[in-house]
Protein backbone atom coordinates (compact mmCIF):
# COMPACT_ATOMS: atom_id res chain seq x y z
CA UNK A 1 153.60 92.16 -32.45
CA UNK A 2 153.45 95.06 -30.26
CA UNK A 3 151.28 93.62 -27.03
CA UNK A 4 148.93 97.22 -26.72
CA UNK A 5 148.18 96.94 -30.63
CA UNK A 6 147.79 93.51 -30.23
CA UNK A 7 145.26 94.37 -28.08
CA UNK A 8 143.53 97.14 -29.30
CA UNK A 9 143.74 95.11 -33.37
CA UNK A 10 141.64 92.60 -31.38
CA UNK A 11 139.13 94.77 -29.88
CA UNK A 12 138.59 97.12 -32.32
CA UNK A 13 138.03 94.53 -35.39
CA UNK A 14 134.86 93.42 -32.95
CA UNK A 15 133.95 97.72 -32.36
CA UNK A 16 134.22 97.45 -36.10
CA UNK A 17 132.82 95.08 -37.91
CA UNK A 18 136.39 93.69 -39.40
CA UNK A 19 136.06 93.93 -43.20
CA UNK A 20 138.28 95.75 -45.81
CA UNK A 21 138.43 99.84 -44.08
CA UNK A 22 139.89 98.57 -41.10
CA UNK A 23 142.11 96.38 -42.59
CA UNK A 24 143.32 99.27 -44.50
CA UNK A 25 144.45 101.13 -41.72
CA UNK A 26 145.79 97.67 -39.78
CA UNK A 27 148.13 97.52 -42.61
CA UNK A 28 149.32 100.72 -43.91
CA UNK A 29 152.55 102.22 -44.26
CA UNK A 30 151.48 106.12 -46.33
CA UNK A 31 151.55 108.03 -42.70
CA UNK A 32 150.19 111.11 -44.17
CA UNK A 33 146.86 108.40 -45.24
CA UNK A 34 146.38 107.20 -41.44
CA UNK A 35 146.83 111.33 -40.60
CA UNK A 36 144.29 111.90 -42.85
CA UNK A 37 142.06 109.78 -40.75
CA UNK A 38 142.99 111.93 -37.81
CA UNK A 39 141.07 115.73 -39.60
CA UNK A 40 138.61 113.86 -41.79
CA UNK A 41 134.75 114.20 -40.96
CA UNK A 42 132.96 111.68 -40.27
CA UNK A 43 135.63 108.98 -39.35
CA UNK A 44 134.10 106.78 -36.75
CA UNK A 45 135.78 106.34 -33.40
CA UNK A 46 137.41 102.76 -33.70
CA UNK A 47 139.03 104.26 -36.98
CA UNK A 48 140.51 107.37 -35.17
CA UNK A 49 142.04 105.18 -32.47
CA UNK A 50 143.25 103.07 -34.39
CA UNK A 51 145.19 105.87 -36.68
CA UNK A 52 146.18 107.99 -33.78
CA UNK A 53 147.34 104.71 -32.57
CA UNK A 54 149.51 103.59 -35.19
CA UNK A 55 151.14 107.26 -35.67
CA UNK A 56 151.99 107.03 -31.75
CA UNK A 57 154.15 103.87 -31.87
CA UNK A 58 155.51 105.78 -35.22
CA UNK A 59 156.43 108.72 -33.46
CA UNK A 60 154.61 110.45 -35.59
CA UNK A 61 153.09 114.38 -33.37
CA UNK A 62 149.91 114.92 -35.37
CA UNK A 63 148.90 112.26 -32.87
CA UNK A 64 149.23 113.93 -30.09
CA UNK A 65 145.63 115.84 -29.52
CA UNK A 66 143.83 112.67 -30.88
CA UNK A 67 145.71 110.11 -28.08
CA UNK A 68 145.50 113.56 -25.82
CA UNK A 69 141.28 113.19 -26.13
CA UNK A 70 141.08 109.27 -25.95
CA UNK A 71 143.67 109.46 -23.11
CA UNK A 72 140.72 110.86 -21.30
CA UNK A 73 138.42 108.70 -22.27
CA UNK A 74 135.53 106.90 -20.17
CA UNK A 75 136.32 103.33 -21.36
CA UNK A 76 139.38 102.27 -20.31
CA UNK A 77 141.07 100.49 -22.84
CA UNK A 78 141.11 103.39 -25.48
CA UNK A 79 143.13 105.45 -21.98
CA UNK A 80 145.19 102.03 -21.68
CA UNK A 81 146.30 102.01 -25.41
CA UNK A 82 146.49 105.97 -25.76
CA UNK A 83 148.61 106.26 -22.63
CA UNK A 84 151.50 102.97 -24.28
CA UNK A 85 150.97 105.10 -27.82
CA UNK A 86 151.52 108.43 -26.17
CA UNK A 87 155.04 107.20 -24.35
CA UNK A 88 155.89 105.99 -27.11
CA UNK A 89 155.81 108.98 -29.67
CA UNK A 90 158.08 111.55 -27.62
CA UNK A 91 156.39 114.43 -27.75
CA UNK A 92 157.77 117.17 -24.88
CA UNK A 93 153.69 118.13 -25.08
CA UNK A 94 153.56 114.58 -23.44
CA UNK A 95 153.82 115.23 -19.73
CA UNK A 96 152.11 119.09 -19.53
CA UNK A 97 148.50 117.40 -20.73
CA UNK A 98 148.41 114.29 -18.72
CA UNK A 99 149.55 116.43 -15.78
CA UNK A 100 146.77 119.03 -16.77
CA UNK A 101 144.04 115.54 -17.35
CA UNK A 102 145.15 114.18 -13.90
CA UNK A 103 144.95 116.46 -11.52
CA UNK A 104 141.58 118.13 -13.23
CA UNK A 105 139.14 118.09 -10.96
CA UNK A 106 136.15 118.17 -13.13
CA UNK A 107 137.72 114.78 -15.05
CA UNK A 108 139.17 113.30 -11.76
CA UNK A 109 137.19 109.70 -12.57
CA UNK A 110 139.12 109.51 -15.88
CA UNK A 111 142.50 110.37 -14.09
CA UNK A 112 143.98 107.44 -13.15
CA UNK A 113 145.36 106.67 -16.94
CA UNK A 114 146.91 110.33 -16.57
CA UNK A 115 148.48 109.03 -13.43
CA UNK A 116 150.27 106.22 -14.78
CA UNK A 117 151.99 108.05 -17.80
CA UNK A 118 153.09 110.78 -15.47
CA UNK A 119 155.17 108.30 -13.67
CA UNK A 120 156.31 106.50 -16.60
CA UNK A 121 157.33 109.68 -17.67
CA UNK A 122 159.59 110.67 -15.22
CA UNK A 123 158.60 113.74 -16.75
CA UNK A 124 159.41 117.39 -13.63
CA UNK A 125 156.05 118.08 -14.08
CA UNK A 126 155.04 114.15 -12.54
CA UNK A 127 155.61 114.53 -9.42
CA UNK A 128 154.03 117.76 -8.33
CA UNK A 129 150.63 116.88 -10.52
CA UNK A 130 150.63 113.89 -8.17
CA UNK A 131 151.23 115.14 -5.16
CA UNK A 132 148.15 117.59 -5.87
CA UNK A 133 146.20 115.04 -7.19
CA UNK A 134 146.79 112.02 -3.81
CA UNK A 135 146.49 115.65 -1.55
CA UNK A 136 142.80 116.05 -2.90
CA UNK A 137 142.32 112.72 -2.42
CA UNK A 138 142.95 111.91 1.62
CA UNK A 139 139.45 113.06 2.58
CA UNK A 140 136.64 111.04 3.90
CA UNK A 141 134.29 108.69 1.20
CA UNK A 142 136.60 109.88 -1.55
CA UNK A 143 135.13 107.53 -4.01
CA UNK A 144 138.49 107.91 -6.56
CA UNK A 145 140.61 105.28 -4.24
CA UNK A 146 142.15 103.81 -7.60
CA UNK A 147 143.06 106.63 -9.10
CA UNK A 148 145.11 107.88 -5.07
CA UNK A 149 146.27 104.54 -4.71
CA UNK A 150 147.46 105.29 -8.21
CA UNK A 151 149.65 107.98 -7.01
CA UNK A 152 151.33 106.45 -4.25
CA UNK A 153 152.51 104.17 -5.94
CA UNK A 154 153.28 106.05 -8.10
CA UNK A 155 155.36 108.73 -5.76
CA UNK A 156 156.88 105.59 -4.57
CA UNK A 157 158.42 104.68 -7.36
CA UNK A 158 159.57 108.19 -8.05
CA UNK A 159 160.86 108.37 -4.74
CA UNK A 160 160.91 112.28 -4.92
CA UNK A 161 161.65 113.74 -1.02
CA UNK A 162 159.07 116.78 -2.01
CA UNK A 163 156.07 114.05 -1.05
CA UNK A 164 157.15 112.81 1.62
CA UNK A 165 154.32 115.17 3.57
CA UNK A 166 151.91 113.18 1.41
CA UNK A 167 152.76 110.17 2.23
CA UNK A 168 152.94 111.03 5.54
CA UNK A 169 149.33 111.62 5.00
CA UNK A 170 147.91 109.25 3.71
CA UNK A 171 148.65 106.48 6.28
CA UNK A 172 145.81 107.36 7.99
CA UNK A 173 143.96 105.72 5.16
CA UNK A 174 143.31 102.28 5.65
CA UNK A 175 143.21 101.98 1.68
CA UNK A 176 146.11 103.68 0.92
CA UNK A 177 148.68 102.61 3.70
CA UNK A 178 149.90 99.89 3.49
CA UNK A 179 151.17 101.80 -0.81
CA UNK A 180 151.95 104.35 1.30
CA UNK A 181 154.86 102.70 3.75
CA UNK A 182 156.51 100.98 0.98
CA UNK A 183 156.33 104.15 -0.86
CA UNK A 184 158.04 106.23 1.94
CA UNK A 185 160.45 103.02 2.07
CA UNK A 186 161.72 104.29 -1.63
CA UNK A 187 161.91 107.59 -1.54
CA UNK A 188 165.85 108.35 0.27
CA UNK A 189 166.29 109.12 4.19
CA UNK A 190 167.08 113.34 4.94
CA UNK A 191 170.61 114.00 6.27
């Protein structure tokens, strides 16, 4: 069993109280049944999350919208699972959605997992979105240091020369300086 599925299963079993409905969603191989949970009225959040996650792992693009909503949820555990499923889904819209979530200043408190997903996807949208998000975090007393740090580390992982300027700016911030040094070391030298 996939480690993320195991973690999600344990969490949602507790949240749902277990029972036949939970077990049915966990074990069914009928993707139409799972997709029906995403659109049926009155479904609980745990049921929608389990159905979307399983469809995502199966590569069924009907899960896309639900997974994007979960990626931007206030509960970090839901975000982690949604990011995992979106990475496996293979939908070409995923990178654009993650970039939009990562750069949305009104939702920056929930940008950590979209940032990490962008790095994992290595999509063309990743570097510009991470640069934009990091630039916005480089003002004094910004409360979103974890998001800024994820951007710095992600830009280092991606190793794109376009990130050099913003990473140099990050050197002036004590909470980011060490990570920025490592990120800059991973970017190829200009000739």
